[in-house]
Amino acid sequence: MATISEPQRVSAADFIRGFANWRLQAARKPVVVTHHGKDAHVLISLDDYRRLGNGADESIATADSVQRSLAGIPESIRDAVILIDRQWRIAAVNPAATDMLEAPGADLIGAPLTAAMPRIEGSLLSHCIIRLIDHRERFSGEIPDVLRPRQWLRADLVPAPIGGALILRDVSGAMEEFAGNDARQALLAAIEAEGSIGHARISVREAVEAANATLTGLIGVEPAAIRRVRFSALLAVSHRAAFAEALESLFRSGGPKRLASQIVTRDGDAIDVDLTMTEIRGPYAVDGAVVLVTRRSA
């Protein structure tokens, strides 16, 4: 089994007296020079020293390269980065921050944060910054109305040696989408409570993906019985072509469609109904449609 050989040791006095010998020994393996019994110096060959020096230079160069890379990241990210000192003065900003604050970087550096963001005083963000500066407490969350009315920002507060960093992103669009989803859910809840309107979600190929109890009760089947069935198959044969044409027009134009039709029950009865269709649009394409079914009064 291979083992690591121990370096040679020599006292300082013996090293001085036999320097020529120890110099030759050091060419083969390191020589440790002791002082009062404790290791004090190491004598190694010039080649070994150069190898150590190059390794150190490479480590330093790598560390410098990492620091330069880290310093350049805030300049290229889309989030606004604002560095403040303990007196809330702006110490640095990236290009995204100058765009968000609508001011040149030269005007922002050294200015109080409250001057660049007047609405911050008394806001939730100001209280979080106090905690950041005084207690190095991080924060991450959505905050309203810091720059302009009805705006929402995603804020991340990070402690820094000079004070702290504010990383901000405008998420107003996402918050409006959340609010829109809540409104749509409330509308569906109202439709369910009303009790006389059936509705189904269908795919772009007409397959029923979900249906409410009003619709399945009107047909007289369990929800699982019409899952993945083409919606036109639930209609009287004479009305299927009109439905397919209206659905194609909906996906082509995006505008809601309404038509008179007949839906067939499990017992074979044809019930006069009105169908109202709206498209469901995903992030990249149309995902399907919602069909409202209301029974037509005689």
Protein backbone atom coordinates (compact mmCIF):
# COMPACT_ATOMS: atom_id res chain seq x y z
CA MET A 1 0.00 0.00 0.00
CA ALA A 2 1.36 3.36 -1.00
CA THR A 3 1.85 5.88 1.80
CA ILE A 4 2.59 9.58 1.90
CA SER A 5 6.21 10.06 2.93
CA GLU A 6 6.86 12.44 5.79
CA PRO A 7 9.01 15.49 4.96
CA GLN A 8 12.47 15.65 6.46
CA ARG A 9 12.92 17.80 9.55
CA VAL A 10 16.02 19.62 10.72
CA SER A 11 16.64 22.16 13.44
CA ALA A 12 17.56 25.70 12.43
CA ALA A 13 21.08 25.31 13.87
CA ASP A 14 21.79 22.06 11.98
CA PHE A 15 20.26 23.57 8.84
CA ILE A 16 22.71 26.50 8.94
CA ARG A 17 25.70 24.26 9.53
CA GLY A 18 24.78 21.81 6.74
CA PHE A 19 22.99 24.06 4.29
CA ALA A 20 24.64 22.53 1.20
CA ASN A 21 23.46 19.06 2.16
CA TRP A 22 19.92 20.16 3.02
CA ARG A 23 19.68 22.10 -0.22
CA LEU A 24 20.31 18.89 -2.14
CA GLN A 25 17.80 17.01 0.04
CA ALA A 26 15.14 19.63 -0.69
CA ALA A 27 15.48 18.91 -4.43
CA ARG A 28 14.01 15.45 -3.74
CA LYS A 29 11.40 16.25 -1.09
CA PRO A 30 10.55 19.19 1.18
CA VAL A 31 12.73 19.93 4.21
CA VAL A 32 10.99 21.35 7.29
CA VAL A 33 13.16 23.65 9.38
CA THR A 34 12.15 23.68 13.05
CA HIS A 35 12.70 26.35 15.71
CA HIS A 36 12.62 25.25 19.34
CA GLY A 37 11.05 22.00 18.22
CA LYS A 38 8.22 23.60 16.22
CA ASP A 39 7.87 23.65 12.44
CA ALA A 40 8.85 27.14 11.24
CA HIS A 41 9.86 27.04 7.55
CA VAL A 42 9.85 24.71 4.57
CA LEU A 43 12.62 24.47 1.96
CA ILE A 44 11.44 23.22 -1.46
CA SER A 45 12.89 23.15 -4.96
CA LEU A 46 12.43 26.04 -7.40
CA ASP A 47 10.27 23.86 -9.68
CA ASP A 48 7.93 22.98 -6.80
CA TYR A 49 7.74 26.65 -5.81
CA ARG A 50 6.85 27.70 -9.36
CA ARG A 51 4.14 25.08 -9.54
CA LEU A 52 2.67 26.38 -6.30
CA GLY A 53 2.91 29.95 -7.55
CA ASN A 54 1.14 29.19 -10.83
CA GLY A 55 -1.63 27.41 -8.94
CA ALA A 56 -2.08 30.40 -6.68
CA ASP A 57 -2.11 32.76 -9.66
CA GLU A 58 -4.75 30.64 -11.37
CA SER A 59 -6.89 30.62 -8.21
CA ILE A 60 -6.62 34.39 -7.91
CA ALA A 61 -7.43 34.84 -11.59
CA THR A 62 -10.47 32.56 -11.25
CA ALA A 63 -11.69 34.43 -8.18
CA ASP A 64 -11.29 37.75 -9.98
CA SER A 65 -13.17 36.42 -12.98
CA VAL A 66 -16.03 35.24 -10.76
CA GLN A 67 -16.24 38.64 -9.06
CA ARG A 68 -16.31 40.44 -12.41
CA SER A 69 -19.03 38.10 -13.63
CA LEU A 70 -21.14 38.61 -10.52
CA ALA A 71 -20.75 42.37 -10.80
CA GLY A 72 -22.07 42.30 -14.35
CA ILE A 73 -25.18 40.24 -13.65
CA PRO A 74 -27.37 43.10 -12.26
CA GLU A 75 -26.67 45.11 -15.43
CA SER A 76 -28.23 42.47 -17.65
CA ILE A 77 -31.22 41.14 -15.67
CA ARG A 78 -34.71 42.48 -16.32
CA ASP A 79 -35.46 43.16 -12.64
CA ALA A 80 -34.76 46.62 -11.24
CA VAL A 81 -31.88 46.51 -8.74
CA ILE A 82 -31.47 49.46 -6.35
CA LEU A 83 -28.61 49.44 -3.82
CA ILE A 84 -29.12 51.75 -0.82
CA ASP A 85 -26.96 52.67 2.16
CA ARG A 86 -28.06 52.76 5.78
CA GLN A 87 -29.36 56.33 5.35
CA TRP A 88 -31.61 55.19 2.48
CA ARG A 89 -29.47 56.97 -0.11
CA ILE A 90 -29.25 55.32 -3.50
CA ALA A 91 -25.72 53.94 -4.01
CA ALA A 92 -26.19 52.11 -7.32
CA VAL A 93 -28.87 51.24 -9.86
CA ASN A 94 -28.98 48.98 -12.89
CA PRO A 95 -30.52 49.98 -16.27
CA ALA A 96 -33.84 48.30 -15.42
CA ALA A 97 -34.09 50.46 -12.29
CA THR A 98 -33.54 53.68 -14.23
CA ASP A 99 -36.32 52.63 -16.60
CA MET A 100 -38.67 51.82 -13.73
CA LEU A 101 -37.91 55.06 -11.87
CA GLU A 102 -37.92 57.05 -15.13
CA ALA A 103 -34.74 58.94 -14.23
CA PRO A 104 -31.09 58.85 -15.39
CA GLY A 105 -28.68 56.90 -13.22
CA ALA A 106 -26.54 60.00 -12.63
CA ASP A 107 -29.54 61.78 -11.07
CA LEU A 108 -30.42 58.82 -8.87
CA ILE A 109 -26.99 58.07 -7.36
CA GLY A 110 -26.74 59.78 -3.98
CA ALA A 111 -30.41 60.81 -3.95
CA PRO A 112 -32.71 59.71 -1.10
CA LEU A 113 -34.83 56.71 -1.97
CA THR A 114 -37.91 58.65 -0.85
CA ALA A 115 -37.18 61.29 -3.52
CA ALA A 116 -37.01 58.68 -6.28
CA MET A 117 -40.08 56.82 -4.92
CA PRO A 118 -42.30 59.40 -3.16
CA ARG A 119 -45.15 56.92 -2.61
CA ILE A 120 -42.89 54.69 -0.51
CA GLU A 121 -43.36 56.71 2.68
CA GLY A 122 -45.68 54.88 5.06
CA SER A 123 -46.04 51.90 2.71
CA LEU A 124 -45.50 48.24 3.46
CA LEU A 125 -42.21 48.41 1.56
CA SER A 126 -40.88 51.19 3.80
CA HIS A 127 -41.50 49.08 6.91
CA CYS A 128 -39.74 46.13 5.27
CA ILE A 129 -36.74 48.35 4.41
CA ILE A 130 -36.52 49.46 8.05
CA ARG A 131 -36.33 45.80 9.08
CA LEU A 132 -33.76 45.18 6.35
CA ILE A 133 -31.45 48.01 7.40
CA ASP A 134 -31.83 47.65 11.18
CA HIS A 135 -32.00 43.87 11.50
CA ARG A 136 -30.76 42.53 8.11
CA GLU A 137 -34.16 40.91 7.67
CA ARG A 138 -34.98 39.68 4.18
CA PHE A 139 -38.36 40.15 2.51
CA SER A 140 -39.97 38.64 -0.56
CA GLY A 141 -43.52 39.33 -1.73
CA GLU A 142 -45.96 41.42 -3.78
CA ILE A 143 -46.53 45.04 -2.74
CA PRO A 144 -49.06 47.60 -4.08
CA ASP A 145 -48.94 51.26 -5.06
CA VAL A 146 -45.25 52.09 -4.52
CA LEU A 147 -44.57 53.91 -7.79
CA ARG A 148 -47.97 54.64 -9.32
CA PRO A 149 -51.64 53.82 -8.64
CA ARG A 150 -52.93 50.30 -9.30
CA GLN A 151 -49.40 49.00 -9.82
CA TRP A 152 -48.08 45.88 -8.15
CA LEU A 153 -44.42 45.06 -7.67
CA ARG A 154 -42.67 41.86 -6.76
CA ALA A 155 -40.07 42.95 -4.19
CA ASP A 156 -37.06 41.04 -2.88
CA LEU A 157 -35.01 42.79 -0.18
CA VAL A 158 -31.50 41.44 0.43
CA PRO A 159 -28.97 42.63 3.05
CA ALA A 160 -25.71 44.11 1.70
CA PRO A 161 -22.56 45.41 3.43
CA ILE A 162 -23.42 48.99 2.49
CA GLY A 163 -27.06 48.61 3.59
CA GLY A 164 -29.39 46.64 1.38
CA ALA A 165 -30.52 45.82 -2.15
CA LEU A 166 -34.05 46.20 -3.53
CA ILE A 167 -34.89 43.88 -6.42
CA LEU A 168 -38.18 44.94 -8.03
CA ARG A 169 -40.32 43.58 -10.86
CA ASP A 170 -43.60 44.94 -12.20
CA VAL A 171 -46.23 42.19 -11.81
CA SER A 172 -49.31 44.34 -12.38
CA GLY A 173 -50.38 42.21 -15.36
CA ALA A 174 -50.20 39.00 -13.36
CA MET A 175 -52.15 40.51 -10.46
CA GLU A 176 -54.85 41.69 -12.90
CA GLU A 177 -55.00 38.17 -14.30
CA PHE A 178 -55.43 36.75 -10.80
CA ALA A 179 -58.22 39.24 -10.16
CA GLY A 180 -59.83 38.28 -13.47
CA ASN A 181 -59.68 34.60 -12.53
CA ASP A 182 -61.33 35.38 -9.20
CA ALA A 183 -64.08 37.28 -11.02
CA ARG A 184 -64.63 34.37 -13.40
CA GLN A 185 -64.81 31.94 -10.49
CA ALA A 186 -67.36 34.19 -8.80
CA LEU A 187 -69.41 34.30 -12.01
CA LEU A 188 -69.40 30.50 -12.26
CA ALA A 189 -70.45 30.26 -8.62
CA ALA A 190 -73.35 32.64 -9.35
CA ILE A 191 -74.39 30.53 -12.36
CA GLU A 192 -74.31 27.38 -10.23
CA ALA A 193 -76.38 29.10 -7.53
CA GLU A 194 -78.93 30.29 -10.10
CA GLY A 195 -79.44 26.65 -11.04
CA SER A 196 -81.06 26.90 -14.49
CA ILE A 197 -77.96 27.40 -16.67
CA GLY A 198 -75.95 24.41 -17.78
CA HIS A 199 -72.39 24.77 -18.95
CA ALA A 200 -69.65 22.59 -20.36
CA ARG A 201 -66.00 23.05 -21.13
CA ILE A 202 -65.03 21.51 -24.45
CA SER A 203 -61.74 21.04 -26.27
CA VAL A 204 -60.94 22.39 -29.73
CA ARG A 205 -62.15 19.02 -31.03
CA GLU A 206 -65.51 19.39 -29.22
CA ALA A 207 -64.69 16.77 -26.56
CA VAL A 208 -66.50 17.49 -23.28
CA GLU A 209 -63.90 17.98 -20.56
CA ALA A 210 -66.26 19.07 -17.75
CA ALA A 211 -69.96 19.74 -17.30
CA ASN A 212 -72.00 21.06 -14.41
CA ALA A 213 -74.86 19.30 -12.67
CA THR A 214 -77.52 21.41 -14.37
CA LEU A 215 -76.43 20.23 -17.83
CA THR A 216 -76.02 16.58 -16.89
CA GLY A 217 -79.36 16.69 -15.05
CA LEU A 218 -81.05 18.13 -18.14
CA ILE A 219 -79.69 15.28 -20.26
CA GLY A 220 -80.32 12.71 -17.51
CA VAL A 221 -76.83 11.20 -17.28
CA GLU A 222 -73.91 11.05 -14.86
CA PRO A 223 -70.97 13.43 -15.57
CA ALA A 224 -68.70 10.49 -16.45
CA ALA A 225 -71.10 9.39 -19.19
CA ILE A 226 -70.45 12.45 -21.37
CA ARG A 227 -66.77 12.97 -20.53
CA ARG A 228 -64.72 13.01 -23.75
CA VAL A 229 -67.92 12.76 -25.85
CA ARG A 230 -68.20 15.26 -28.73
CA PHE A 231 -70.61 18.00 -27.66
CA SER A 232 -72.40 17.91 -31.02
CA ALA A 233 -73.29 14.28 -30.30
CA LEU A 234 -75.52 15.56 -27.47
CA LEU A 235 -77.56 17.60 -29.96
CA ALA A 236 -80.35 16.59 -32.31
CA VAL A 237 -78.95 15.44 -35.64
CA SER A 238 -80.52 18.33 -37.52
CA HIS A 239 -78.66 20.87 -35.31
CA ARG A 240 -75.18 19.34 -35.32
CA ALA A 241 -73.93 20.99 -38.50
CA ALA A 242 -75.00 24.44 -37.27
CA PHE A 243 -73.14 23.90 -33.99
CA ALA A 244 -69.96 22.77 -35.77
CA GLU A 245 -70.12 25.80 -38.06
CA ALA A 246 -70.65 28.18 -35.12
CA LEU A 247 -67.76 26.62 -33.21
CA GLU A 248 -65.43 26.96 -36.19
CA SER A 249 -66.46 30.61 -36.57
CA LEU A 250 -65.80 31.17 -32.84
CA PHE A 251 -62.25 29.86 -33.08
CA ARG A 252 -61.63 31.83 -36.26
CA SER A 253 -62.94 35.20 -35.05
CA GLY A 254 -62.72 34.96 -31.26
CA GLY A 255 -66.14 36.59 -30.86
CA PRO A 256 -68.87 34.88 -28.77
CA LYS A 257 -71.51 32.91 -30.69
CA ARG A 258 -75.17 32.25 -29.85
CA LEU A 259 -77.54 29.90 -31.61
CA ALA A 260 -80.81 28.08 -31.09
CA SER A 261 -80.49 24.32 -30.87
CA GLN A 262 -81.95 21.13 -29.44
CA ILE A 263 -80.31 18.86 -26.89
CA VAL A 264 -81.31 15.19 -26.67
CA THR A 265 -81.99 13.53 -23.32
CA ARG A 266 -81.11 9.96 -22.40
CA ASP A 267 -84.75 9.01 -23.06
CA GLY A 268 -84.56 10.44 -26.59
CA ASP A 269 -86.54 13.62 -26.02
CA ALA A 270 -85.39 16.75 -27.85
CA ILE A 271 -85.39 19.89 -25.68
CA ASP A 272 -85.20 23.36 -27.20
CA VAL A 273 -82.18 25.24 -25.83
CA ASP A 274 -80.09 28.30 -26.54
CA LEU A 275 -76.32 27.75 -26.78
CA THR A 276 -73.83 30.53 -26.06
CA MET A 277 -70.15 29.84 -26.79
CA THR A 278 -66.99 31.72 -25.82
CA GLU A 279 -63.44 30.65 -26.52
CA ILE A 280 -60.85 29.73 -23.90
CA ARG A 281 -57.52 31.24 -24.91
CA GLY A 282 -54.30 29.96 -23.38
CA PRO A 283 -50.90 31.67 -23.40
CA TYR A 284 -50.07 30.52 -26.93
CA ALA A 285 -53.27 29.31 -28.60
CA VAL A 286 -56.97 28.59 -28.18
CA ASP A 287 -57.50 25.80 -25.63
CA GLY A 288 -61.19 25.19 -26.27
CA ALA A 289 -64.52 26.80 -25.43
CA VAL A 290 -67.19 27.16 -22.78
CA VAL A 291 -70.78 26.40 -23.86
CA LEU A 292 -73.68 27.77 -21.84
CA VAL A 293 -76.95 25.88 -22.22
CA THR A 294 -80.23 27.56 -21.28
CA ARG A 295 -83.59 25.96 -21.75
CA ARG A 296 -85.78 27.94 -24.12
CA SER A 297 -89.18 28.81 -22.71
CA ALA A 298 -92.17 27.66 -24.73
